[in-house]
Protein backbone atom coordinates (compact mmCIF):
# COMPACT_ATOMS: atom_id res chain seq x y z
CA MET A 1 -12.70 -31.89 5.52
CA VAL A 2 -11.35 -35.41 5.33
CA GLY A 3 -10.08 -35.14 8.90
CA GLY A 4 -13.49 -33.98 10.15
CA ALA A 5 -15.18 -36.83 8.31
CA ALA A 6 -12.76 -39.40 9.72
CA LEU A 7 -13.10 -38.08 13.28
CA GLY A 8 -16.89 -37.94 12.93
CA VAL A 9 -17.14 -41.53 11.72
CA ALA A 10 -14.79 -42.75 14.46
CA GLY A 11 -16.54 -40.71 17.17
CA GLY A 12 -19.99 -41.81 16.02
CA TRP A 13 -18.96 -45.44 15.97
CA ALA A 14 -17.44 -45.12 19.46
CA LEU A 15 -20.60 -43.48 20.79
CA ALA A 16 -22.85 -46.10 19.20
CA GLN A 17 -20.75 -48.93 20.62
CA SER A 18 -20.67 -47.34 24.08
CA LEU A 19 -24.45 -47.01 24.07
CA LYS A 20 -24.78 -50.69 23.16
CA ARG A 21 -22.24 -52.06 25.62
CA LEU A 22 -22.15 -49.80 28.68
CA PRO A 23 -24.58 -50.75 31.45
CA ILE A 24 -25.96 -47.23 31.94
CA GLU A 25 -29.47 -46.30 32.96
CA THR A 26 -31.75 -45.25 30.11
CA PRO A 27 -32.20 -41.63 31.30
CA LEU A 28 -28.42 -41.13 31.22
CA ALA A 29 -28.08 -42.09 27.55
CA PRO A 30 -28.97 -38.60 26.21
CA VAL A 31 -26.36 -37.11 28.54
CA LEU A 32 -23.74 -39.51 27.20
CA VAL A 33 -24.64 -38.70 23.59
CA LEU A 34 -24.64 -34.94 24.22
CA THR A 35 -21.29 -35.14 26.01
CA GLY A 36 -19.86 -37.33 23.27
CA GLY A 37 -21.00 -34.91 20.58
CA LEU A 38 -19.46 -31.97 22.41
CA ALA A 39 -16.25 -33.95 22.90
CA VAL A 40 -16.07 -34.76 19.18
CA PHE A 41 -16.58 -31.10 18.31
CA GLY A 42 -14.00 -29.93 20.86
CA LEU A 43 -11.42 -32.46 19.75
CA ALA A 44 -11.91 -31.53 16.10
CA GLN A 45 -11.48 -27.85 16.89
CA LEU A 46 -8.42 -28.58 18.99
CA ILE A 47 -6.80 -30.51 16.15
CA GLY A 48 -7.83 -27.88 13.59
CA ILE A 49 -10.24 -29.86 11.45
CA SER A 50 -13.93 -29.36 10.67
CA GLY A 51 -15.82 -29.66 13.94
CA PHE A 52 -19.22 -29.21 12.32
CA LEU A 53 -18.66 -32.06 9.88
CA ALA A 54 -17.26 -34.29 12.62
CA THR A 55 -20.22 -33.62 14.91
CA TYR A 56 -22.75 -34.09 12.10
CA LEU A 57 -21.31 -37.43 11.03
CA ALA A 58 -20.99 -38.59 14.64
CA ALA A 59 -24.67 -37.76 15.19
CA VAL A 60 -25.77 -39.56 12.03
CA ILE A 61 -23.81 -42.70 12.87
CA THR A 62 -24.88 -42.67 16.53
CA GLY A 63 -28.51 -42.14 15.54
CA ALA A 64 -28.39 -44.99 13.03
CA GLY A 65 -27.23 -47.44 15.69
CA HIS A 66 -29.76 -49.55 17.55
CA HIS A 67 -29.64 -49.57 21.34
CA ARG A 68 -32.16 -49.81 24.13
CA ALA A 69 -32.28 -46.05 24.79
CA HIS A 70 -32.75 -45.05 21.15
CA GLU A 71 -36.22 -43.55 21.68
CA ASP A 72 -35.16 -41.63 24.79
CA VAL A 73 -32.20 -40.10 22.98
CA GLU A 74 -34.39 -39.23 20.01
CA HIS A 75 -37.04 -37.56 22.19
CA PHE A 76 -34.37 -35.59 24.08
CA PHE A 77 -32.86 -34.19 20.91
CA GLU A 78 -36.29 -33.43 19.42
CA GLY A 79 -36.92 -31.30 22.49
CA MET A 80 -33.55 -29.63 22.07
CA ALA A 81 -34.37 -28.88 18.42
CA TRP A 82 -37.67 -27.27 19.43
CA LEU A 83 -35.85 -25.13 21.98
CA ALA A 84 -33.27 -24.15 19.38
CA GLN A 85 -36.13 -22.84 17.22
CA ILE A 86 -38.17 -21.18 19.97
CA VAL A 87 -35.41 -19.29 21.80
CA PRO A 88 -34.26 -17.10 18.85
CA PHE A 89 -37.85 -16.06 18.10
CA LEU A 90 -38.40 -15.25 21.76
CA MET A 91 -35.20 -13.20 21.90
CA LEU A 92 -36.11 -11.33 18.69
CA GLY A 93 -39.57 -10.66 20.08
CA LEU A 94 -38.08 -9.14 23.21
CA LEU A 95 -36.04 -6.74 21.07
CA VAL A 96 -39.09 -5.29 19.30
CA THR A 97 -40.47 -1.99 20.55
CA PRO A 98 -44.07 -1.39 19.43
CA GLU A 99 -43.49 2.36 18.97
CA ASN A 100 -40.92 1.66 16.24
CA LEU A 101 -43.10 -0.77 14.26
CA ALA A 102 -45.17 1.94 12.53
CA ALA A 103 -42.23 2.89 10.31
CA TYR A 104 -42.05 -0.68 8.95
CA LEU A 105 -45.75 -1.22 8.19
CA PRO A 106 -45.64 0.09 4.58
CA GLY A 107 -42.78 -2.26 3.74
CA ALA A 108 -44.57 -5.17 5.38
CA ALA A 109 -47.73 -4.44 3.39
CA ILE A 110 -45.75 -4.21 0.16
CA GLY A 111 -44.05 -7.53 0.90
CA ALA A 112 -47.21 -9.31 2.05
CA GLY A 113 -49.29 -8.31 -0.98
CA PRO A 114 -47.25 -10.10 -3.68
CA ALA A 115 -46.55 -13.02 -1.38
CA ARG A 116 -50.26 -13.59 -0.88
CA GLY A 117 -50.98 -13.01 -4.56
CA ASP A 118 -48.38 -15.56 -5.57
CA ALA A 119 -50.00 -18.13 -3.30
CA ASP A 120 -53.43 -17.45 -4.79
CA LEU A 121 -52.07 -17.60 -8.33
CA SER A 122 -50.25 -20.88 -7.74
CA ALA A 123 -53.38 -22.39 -6.15
CA ALA A 124 -55.49 -21.28 -9.13
CA VAL A 125 -53.03 -22.84 -11.59
CA ARG A 126 -53.02 -26.14 -9.68
CA VAL A 127 -56.83 -26.30 -9.57
CA GLN A 128 -57.32 -25.73 -13.31
CA PRO A 129 -58.10 -28.94 -15.23
CA ALA A 130 -55.50 -30.05 -17.77
């Protein structure tokens, strides 16, 4: 873990400094950050230390740095985060066959009833005067 943290801090600092000092065009900054993050992860895995921790810390340190392409990089990774949420739901939706859903309806009704009741109960408790 310590090795992943050290590599992440060093990689994040190097990426932040390269974004500040390299004369790259603004649209290329997200590509540099994505490539740098993948390089940090790959190097950590090659050495045998925590690649997830290294990549996470590199992203935090790079994101905390101030450079002229900060907003472009942030918007790019917000879009990537949305895609990372949408694609699994799309893939799961493609795996569903409507003919097989009838067998699961009783379980869904049993699960939805208490869930809805709990929401109503918690709302009623919050609304009651003290």
